[in-house]
Every structure is written in C-alpha cells, then in structure tokens.
C-alpha cells in the first residue's frame, strides 16, 4: 500500500497555491485602493499581502511531519497577525454617521 504522503493528490495542491496567491493579490488591490482614502489602513493592508503570500507558499511545500508542524504554526501565526492587522484597521477608520453616507444615492 502507498503511504498517504506519497499519493498523488491531483491538482489539489496547485489549487491551494492559487487560492493563497489570489488572496494575497486581493489584499494588495484592496490596500492600494485604501491608500487613497485612509493612508494608515491602506498601508496595513498592503503589508498583509506579502505575509499572506508567504504563508501560502510555506503551507504548500511538502515536508517531514516535524517540519509540517512548524510550518503549520508559522501559517497560524501569520493568519492571526493578518487578522489582528484587520482589526486594527477596522478601528482606525471612522464609520459613517448614517447609511446614506455609506451608500450614496444616484439619480
């Protein structure tokens, strides 16, 4: 019987790498858009983009069980750090006073 770690998972690994890359690109795009409106929040979001990308690259590499647990810890810490940055960004941006400010009427 073939050990589980030697089985071909098909394209699952490639899809996972692409999902991490797509998420990092989304962080970069949102960060770039936010820089125009709120500089500090935009820079925080831009700073999170490479961290997301690197976390995805670390998570996707094949490794020994001990290395996998270390990488899982690194990915967990990175994702937690990105979440904390998002929380900080949410508190830095003042919210709208009303729904009309959030969704301006057209027409």
Protein backbone atom coordinates (compact mmCIF):
# COMPACT_ATOMS: atom_id res chain seq x y z
CA UNK A 1 0.00 0.00 0.00
CA UNK A 2 1.26 3.50 -0.88
CA UNK A 3 1.84 5.78 2.15
CA UNK A 4 -0.61 8.66 2.38
CA UNK A 5 2.07 11.34 1.88
CA UNK A 6 3.20 9.74 -1.41
CA UNK A 7 -0.23 9.58 -3.03
CA UNK A 8 -0.85 11.98 -5.88
CA UNK A 9 -3.47 14.47 -4.71
CA UNK A 10 -4.16 15.55 -8.28
CA UNK A 11 -4.35 19.28 -8.66
CA UNK A 12 -5.43 19.99 -5.08
CA UNK A 13 -2.03 21.42 -4.16
CA UNK A 14 -1.99 23.65 -7.21
CA UNK A 15 -5.50 24.93 -6.44
CA UNK A 16 -4.44 25.66 -2.87
CA UNK A 17 -1.37 27.62 -4.02
CA UNK A 18 -3.51 29.57 -6.46
CA UNK A 19 -6.05 30.36 -3.74
CA UNK A 20 -3.33 31.74 -1.45
CA UNK A 21 -1.88 33.80 -4.32
CA UNK A 22 -5.34 35.10 -5.24
CA UNK A 23 -5.95 36.10 -1.63
CA UNK A 24 -2.62 37.95 -1.47
CA UNK A 25 -3.44 39.78 -4.72
CA UNK A 26 -6.82 40.74 -3.27
CA UNK A 27 -5.13 42.14 -0.15
CA UNK A 28 -2.77 44.15 -2.35
CA UNK A 29 -5.61 45.51 -4.50
CA UNK A 30 -7.76 46.48 -1.53
CA UNK A 31 -4.72 48.01 0.18
CA UNK A 32 -3.89 50.07 -2.89
CA UNK A 33 -7.47 51.33 -3.06
CA UNK A 34 -7.49 52.13 0.66
CA UNK A 35 -4.26 54.13 0.46
CA UNK A 36 -6.18 56.80 -1.47
CA UNK A 37 -8.84 57.08 1.24
CA UNK A 38 -7.10 56.14 4.50
CA UNK A 39 -3.30 56.02 4.33
CA UNK A 40 -2.64 54.07 7.55
CA UNK A 41 -5.26 51.42 6.85
CA UNK A 42 -4.12 51.06 3.26
CA UNK A 43 -0.52 50.57 4.31
CA UNK A 44 -1.54 47.97 6.91
CA UNK A 45 -3.50 46.09 4.27
CA UNK A 46 -0.63 46.32 1.79
CA UNK A 47 1.73 45.00 4.47
CA UNK A 48 -0.53 41.98 4.96
CA UNK A 49 -0.40 40.97 1.27
CA UNK A 50 3.17 39.58 1.24
CA UNK A 51 2.57 37.87 4.58
CA UNK A 52 -0.46 36.06 3.13
CA UNK A 53 1.53 35.05 0.05
CA UNK A 54 4.48 33.71 2.07
CA UNK A 55 2.14 31.85 4.43
CA UNK A 56 0.55 30.14 1.46
CA UNK A 57 3.93 29.18 0.00
CA UNK A 58 5.02 27.73 3.34
CA UNK A 59 1.80 25.78 3.77
CA UNK A 60 2.02 24.25 0.29
CA UNK A 61 5.55 22.80 0.49
CA UNK A 62 5.94 19.09 1.15
CA UNK A 63 7.98 18.37 4.26
CA UNK A 64 8.60 15.91 7.04
CA UNK A 65 5.97 15.69 9.80
CA UNK A 66 8.11 17.78 12.15
CA UNK A 67 8.63 20.48 9.52
CA UNK A 68 4.92 20.39 8.71
CA UNK A 69 4.01 21.13 12.32
CA UNK A 70 6.44 24.07 12.38
CA UNK A 71 5.06 25.37 9.10
CA UNK A 72 1.52 24.97 10.36
CA UNK A 73 2.47 27.03 13.41
CA UNK A 74 4.04 29.69 11.16
CA UNK A 75 0.94 29.81 8.96
CA UNK A 76 -1.30 30.02 12.03
CA UNK A 77 0.75 32.89 13.48
CA UNK A 78 0.72 34.71 10.12
CA UNK A 79 -3.04 34.34 9.68
CA UNK A 80 -3.57 35.53 13.25
CA UNK A 81 -1.29 38.53 12.64
CA UNK A 82 -3.22 39.43 9.49
CA UNK A 83 -6.48 39.18 11.44
CA UNK A 84 -5.10 41.48 14.15
CA UNK A 85 -3.99 43.97 11.47
CA UNK A 86 -7.51 43.85 10.01
CA UNK A 87 -8.98 44.51 13.45
CA UNK A 88 -6.64 47.47 13.96
CA UNK A 89 -7.57 48.79 10.53
CA UNK A 90 -11.27 48.48 11.35
CA UNK A 91 -10.81 50.61 14.46
CA UNK A 92 -8.69 53.23 12.66
CA UNK A 93 -11.31 54.05 10.05
CA UNK A 94 -14.18 56.17 11.30
CA UNK A 95 -17.53 54.67 10.36
CA UNK A 96 -20.26 56.52 8.51
CA UNK A 97 -22.75 58.58 10.50
CA UNK A 98 -25.64 57.12 8.55
CA UNK A 99 -26.43 54.53 5.91
CA UNK A 100 -26.84 57.36 3.39
CA UNK A 101 -23.14 58.18 3.78
CA UNK A 102 -22.21 54.57 3.20
CA UNK A 103 -24.49 54.09 0.19
CA UNK A 104 -24.88 57.40 -1.66
CA UNK A 105 -27.99 57.70 -3.81
CA UNK A 106 -27.66 58.07 -7.55
CA UNK A 107 -30.28 59.55 -9.82
